[in-house]
Amino acid sequence: MKDTTFTGFEDAMIDFFWAIRFNNNREWFAEHKATYVEKIYEPMKALAREVCAGMEARYGLESLWRCSRIYRDARRPQPQGPYRDHIWFVLAQQERWSIAPTFYAEISAEGISYGFGSYNCPPDFMKNMRAAMEANPAKAERMIRAFEKDGSFQLDGESYKRPKGHVSERIDRWYNLKSIGFSAFEPWSDASMSASLPAYLVERFAVLVPLYRWLWTFVPPLDETMEKRSRR
């Protein structure tokens, strides 16, 4: 039986990602596909599997993991070539992974980024968040203050050109976002490439879990979201 334990990444992973930026064509990839599968794709799946299990064991967050592939969407023009120079995994809540807060990790030649976000959220999600901030600004400020005190993740998301409104100086930046996410980046090191990476990511996600649980309360019901999208 094939061993599915994450044993770390090797320098061959970094070399591959650098090389494909300059050799982004099917001929080169065909010659090096075995390296991609053995040194990147299979280890990434093992990493996702172990982080997923760790998040459930430590925080009680049940999810499914999904790992991206290196292939770009062949249905669209790809001026940068048919392959990505990075891959990622997400911890998905069944069908909701694209519309709700989702933990992720992404690897590239430079390093690893990780966090969570709701980057394709329906408008009602942010509308619900704004309503909650208006109704209970003290709770929102507590959540934001704890995040800012830790300081190891950055807030992501595009702001509306015309602000939606004003609640308080601390809340307003969050309140006026179109979507919301949180991320950290670390260049590769002996530690981050080692077998301890799954446990490290689970530990690092601790500061985000309260925000994750809070933001999940704003996710519209799945049936309602799908119905609105089908009418567009």
Protein backbone atom coordinates (compact mmCIF):
# COMPACT_ATOMS: atom_id res chain seq x y z
CA MET A 1 0.00 0.00 0.00
CA LYS A 2 1.33 3.43 -0.93
CA ASP A 3 2.51 5.56 1.98
CA THR A 4 0.41 8.73 2.20
CA THR A 5 2.26 10.33 5.11
CA PHE A 6 3.63 13.83 4.55
CA THR A 7 7.39 13.58 4.86
CA GLY A 8 8.25 17.11 3.77
CA PHE A 9 9.12 18.87 0.54
CA GLU A 10 12.45 18.56 -1.26
CA ASP A 11 14.54 21.09 -3.16
CA ALA A 12 13.25 19.45 -6.36
CA MET A 13 9.88 21.10 -5.65
CA ILE A 14 11.43 24.57 -5.67
CA ASP A 15 13.54 23.79 -8.74
CA PHE A 16 10.47 22.58 -10.63
CA PHE A 17 8.44 25.71 -9.89
CA TRP A 18 11.29 27.97 -10.98
CA ALA A 19 11.88 25.96 -14.15
CA ILE A 20 8.27 25.90 -15.30
CA ARG A 21 8.17 29.69 -15.33
CA PHE A 22 10.73 29.63 -18.12
CA ASN A 23 9.60 26.39 -19.77
CA ASN A 24 5.84 26.68 -19.68
CA ASN A 25 5.02 24.34 -22.53
CA ARG A 26 3.65 20.85 -22.93
CA GLU A 27 6.89 19.34 -24.20
CA TRP A 28 8.89 20.38 -21.14
CA PHE A 29 6.13 19.39 -18.75
CA ALA A 30 5.77 15.94 -20.33
CA GLU A 31 9.48 15.31 -19.71
CA HIS A 32 9.21 16.44 -16.07
CA LYS A 33 5.72 15.29 -15.16
CA ALA A 34 7.04 12.49 -12.95
CA THR A 35 8.88 15.08 -10.84
CA TYR A 36 5.72 17.13 -10.50
CA VAL A 37 3.66 14.14 -9.38
CA GLU A 38 6.27 12.69 -7.01
CA LYS A 39 7.76 15.84 -5.50
CA ILE A 40 4.81 18.25 -5.56
CA TYR A 41 1.35 16.84 -6.19
CA GLU A 42 1.51 13.73 -4.00
CA PRO A 43 3.23 15.50 -1.07
CA MET A 44 0.70 18.35 -1.33
CA LYS A 45 -2.19 15.91 -1.10
CA ALA A 46 -0.58 14.29 1.93
CA LEU A 47 -0.13 17.73 3.51
CA ALA A 48 -3.77 18.63 2.87
CA ARG A 49 -4.95 15.32 4.31
CA GLU A 50 -2.96 15.76 7.52
CA VAL A 51 -3.91 19.41 8.01
CA CYS A 52 -7.56 18.50 7.47
CA ALA A 53 -7.34 15.76 10.10
CA GLY A 54 -5.48 18.08 12.47
CA MET A 55 -8.09 20.82 12.16
CA GLU A 56 -10.83 18.37 13.06
CA ALA A 57 -8.89 16.85 15.96
CA ARG A 58 -7.87 20.18 17.51
CA TYR A 59 -10.76 22.50 16.68
CA GLY A 60 -13.60 20.16 15.77
CA LEU A 61 -13.78 21.62 12.25
CA GLU A 62 -14.98 18.90 9.92
CA SER A 63 -14.18 19.49 6.27
CA LEU A 64 -13.09 17.87 3.05
CA TRP A 65 -9.81 18.74 1.39
CA ARG A 66 -9.33 19.60 -2.24
CA CYS A 67 -5.97 19.97 -3.93
CA SER A 68 -5.57 22.02 -7.09
CA ARG A 69 -3.74 20.73 -10.13
CA ILE A 70 -1.07 22.55 -12.04
CA TYR A 71 -3.07 22.74 -15.26
CA ARG A 72 -4.66 26.06 -16.19
CA ASP A 73 -8.16 26.17 -17.65
CA ALA A 74 -7.72 25.04 -21.24
CA ARG A 75 -11.06 26.61 -22.21
CA ARG A 76 -9.60 30.10 -21.82
CA PRO A 77 -6.63 31.83 -23.49
CA GLN A 78 -3.50 31.31 -21.41
CA PRO A 79 -0.81 33.81 -22.44
CA GLN A 80 1.38 32.67 -19.52
CA GLY A 81 1.32 29.08 -20.67
CA PRO A 82 -0.81 26.01 -19.91
CA TYR A 83 0.60 25.43 -16.40
CA ARG A 84 0.58 27.28 -13.08
CA ASP A 85 3.78 27.93 -11.15
CA HIS A 86 2.03 27.19 -7.85
CA ILE A 87 -0.59 24.84 -6.43
CA TRP A 88 -2.82 24.96 -3.35
CA PHE A 89 -5.25 23.04 -1.23
CA VAL A 90 -8.46 24.16 0.46
CA LEU A 91 -10.41 22.67 3.34
CA ALA A 92 -13.90 22.65 1.91
CA GLN A 93 -17.30 22.54 3.59
CA GLN A 94 -18.88 20.27 1.00
CA GLU A 95 -20.48 22.35 -1.79
CA ARG A 96 -19.80 25.64 -0.04
CA TRP A 97 -16.05 25.91 -0.54
CA SER A 98 -16.35 28.71 -3.12
CA ILE A 99 -18.96 30.78 -1.27
CA ALA A 100 -17.93 30.50 2.39
CA PRO A 101 -14.81 30.97 4.55
CA THR A 102 -12.25 28.36 3.51
CA PHE A 103 -8.82 27.55 4.94
CA TYR A 104 -6.04 27.14 2.39
CA ALA A 105 -2.30 26.76 1.85
CA GLU A 106 -0.45 27.55 -1.39
CA ILE A 107 3.10 26.64 -2.37
CA SER A 108 5.35 28.24 -4.98
CA ALA A 109 9.06 28.61 -5.65
CA GLU A 110 9.32 31.44 -3.13
CA GLY A 111 7.55 29.89 -0.17
CA ILE A 112 4.21 29.00 1.35
CA SER A 113 1.18 31.22 1.95
CA TYR A 114 -1.74 30.18 4.10
CA GLY A 115 -4.83 31.49 5.83
CA PHE A 116 -8.52 31.56 5.07
CA GLY A 117 -10.96 33.68 3.16
CA SER A 118 -14.23 33.93 1.31
CA TYR A 119 -12.98 35.22 -2.01
CA ASN A 120 -15.99 34.33 -4.16
CA CYS A 121 -18.62 35.08 -1.58
CA PRO A 122 -22.17 36.04 -2.54
CA PRO A 123 -23.15 39.65 -1.80
CA ASP A 124 -25.46 38.49 1.01
CA PHE A 125 -22.47 37.16 2.94
CA MET A 126 -20.84 40.57 3.33
CA LYS A 127 -24.26 42.18 3.77
CA ASN A 128 -24.90 39.86 6.71
CA MET A 129 -21.48 40.69 8.16
CA ARG A 130 -22.16 44.41 7.94
CA ALA A 131 -25.52 43.98 9.62
CA ALA A 132 -23.92 42.05 12.48
CA MET A 133 -21.27 44.74 12.92
CA GLU A 134 -23.95 47.40 13.12
CA ALA A 135 -26.04 45.37 15.55
CA ASN A 136 -23.17 44.43 17.86
CA PRO A 137 -20.12 46.64 17.24
CA ALA A 138 -18.60 45.68 20.60
CA LYS A 139 -18.33 42.03 19.53
CA ALA A 140 -16.92 43.01 16.14
CA GLU A 141 -14.30 45.19 17.81
CA ARG A 142 -13.29 42.35 20.14
CA MET A 143 -12.77 40.03 17.16
CA ILE A 144 -10.81 42.63 15.24
CA ARG A 145 -8.73 43.65 18.28
CA ALA A 146 -7.67 40.04 18.93
CA PHE A 147 -6.67 39.65 15.28
CA GLU A 148 -4.67 42.88 15.29
CA LYS A 149 -2.96 42.02 18.58
CA ASP A 150 -1.61 38.78 17.14
CA GLY A 151 -0.33 40.62 14.07
CA SER A 152 0.93 37.57 12.19
CA PHE A 153 -1.72 37.58 9.45
CA GLN A 154 -2.77 40.37 7.12
CA LEU A 155 -6.30 41.36 6.22
CA ASP A 156 -7.10 40.83 2.53
CA GLY A 157 -9.93 42.07 0.37
CA GLU A 158 -10.86 44.83 -2.04
CA SER A 159 -12.68 47.83 -0.60
CA TYR A 160 -15.70 49.45 -2.20
CA LYS A 161 -14.85 52.66 -4.00
CA ARG A 162 -17.88 54.18 -2.34
CA PRO A 163 -17.88 53.13 1.31
CA LYS A 164 -20.96 51.30 2.53
CA GLY A 165 -21.04 53.26 5.74
CA HIS A 166 -19.42 54.02 9.07
CA VAL A 167 -19.52 52.06 12.34
CA SER A 168 -16.26 52.89 14.14
CA GLU A 169 -12.67 53.66 13.30
CA ARG A 170 -11.56 50.09 14.06
CA ILE A 171 -14.44 48.40 12.24
CA ASP A 172 -14.75 50.54 9.11
CA ARG A 173 -11.98 48.93 7.07
CA TRP A 174 -13.58 45.50 7.52
CA TYR A 175 -17.09 46.85 7.07
CA ASN A 176 -16.33 48.32 3.64
CA LEU A 177 -14.75 45.26 2.04
CA LYS A 178 -16.27 43.48 -0.98
CA SER A 179 -14.77 40.18 0.20
CA ILE A 180 -12.63 39.20 3.14
CA GLY A 181 -9.60 37.01 3.77
CA PHE A 182 -6.57 36.59 5.99
CA SER A 183 -3.14 35.46 4.86
CA ALA A 184 0.46 34.94 5.90
CA PHE A 185 3.52 34.17 3.80
CA GLU A 186 6.77 32.47 4.76
CA PRO A 187 9.78 31.85 2.53
CA TRP A 188 10.98 28.27 2.43
CA SER A 189 13.18 27.13 5.29
CA ASP A 190 14.34 23.79 6.64
CA ALA A 191 11.45 23.88 9.11
CA SER A 192 8.71 24.75 6.63
CA MET A 193 9.86 22.04 4.22
CA SER A 194 9.99 19.37 6.92
CA ALA A 195 7.51 16.74 8.07
CA SER A 196 6.43 19.08 10.89
CA LEU A 197 4.64 21.42 8.46
CA PRO A 198 1.10 19.97 8.96
CA ALA A 199 1.26 20.43 12.75
CA TYR A 200 2.74 23.89 12.29
CA LEU A 201 -0.10 25.02 10.01
CA VAL A 202 -2.73 23.67 12.39
CA GLU A 203 -1.06 25.60 15.21
CA ARG A 204 -0.81 28.80 13.16
CA PHE A 205 -4.49 28.61 12.23
CA ALA A 206 -5.42 28.87 15.93
CA VAL A 207 -5.60 32.66 15.83
CA LEU A 208 -7.95 32.52 12.83
CA VAL A 209 -10.39 29.91 14.14
CA PRO A 210 -12.52 32.37 16.19
CA LEU A 211 -12.82 34.62 13.12
CA TYR A 212 -13.63 31.62 10.97
CA ARG A 213 -16.46 30.52 13.27
CA TRP A 214 -17.79 34.08 13.49
CA LEU A 215 -17.77 34.65 9.73
CA TRP A 216 -19.45 31.33 9.10
CA THR A 217 -22.53 32.66 10.90
CA PHE A 218 -22.98 35.10 8.01
CA VAL A 219 -23.00 32.48 5.23
CA PRO A 220 -26.39 32.43 3.47
CA PRO A 221 -28.19 29.07 3.25
CA LEU A 222 -26.91 27.04 0.32
CA ASP A 223 -30.33 26.66 -1.34
CA GLU A 224 -30.89 30.41 -1.18
CA THR A 225 -27.46 31.19 -2.67
CA MET A 226 -27.84 28.72 -5.53
CA GLU A 227 -31.33 30.01 -6.33
CA LYS A 228 -30.08 33.59 -6.64
CA ARG A 229 -27.16 32.54 -8.85
CA SER A 230 -29.45 30.56 -11.16
CA ARG A 231 -31.52 33.69 -11.79
CA ARG A 232 -28.56 35.74 -13.01
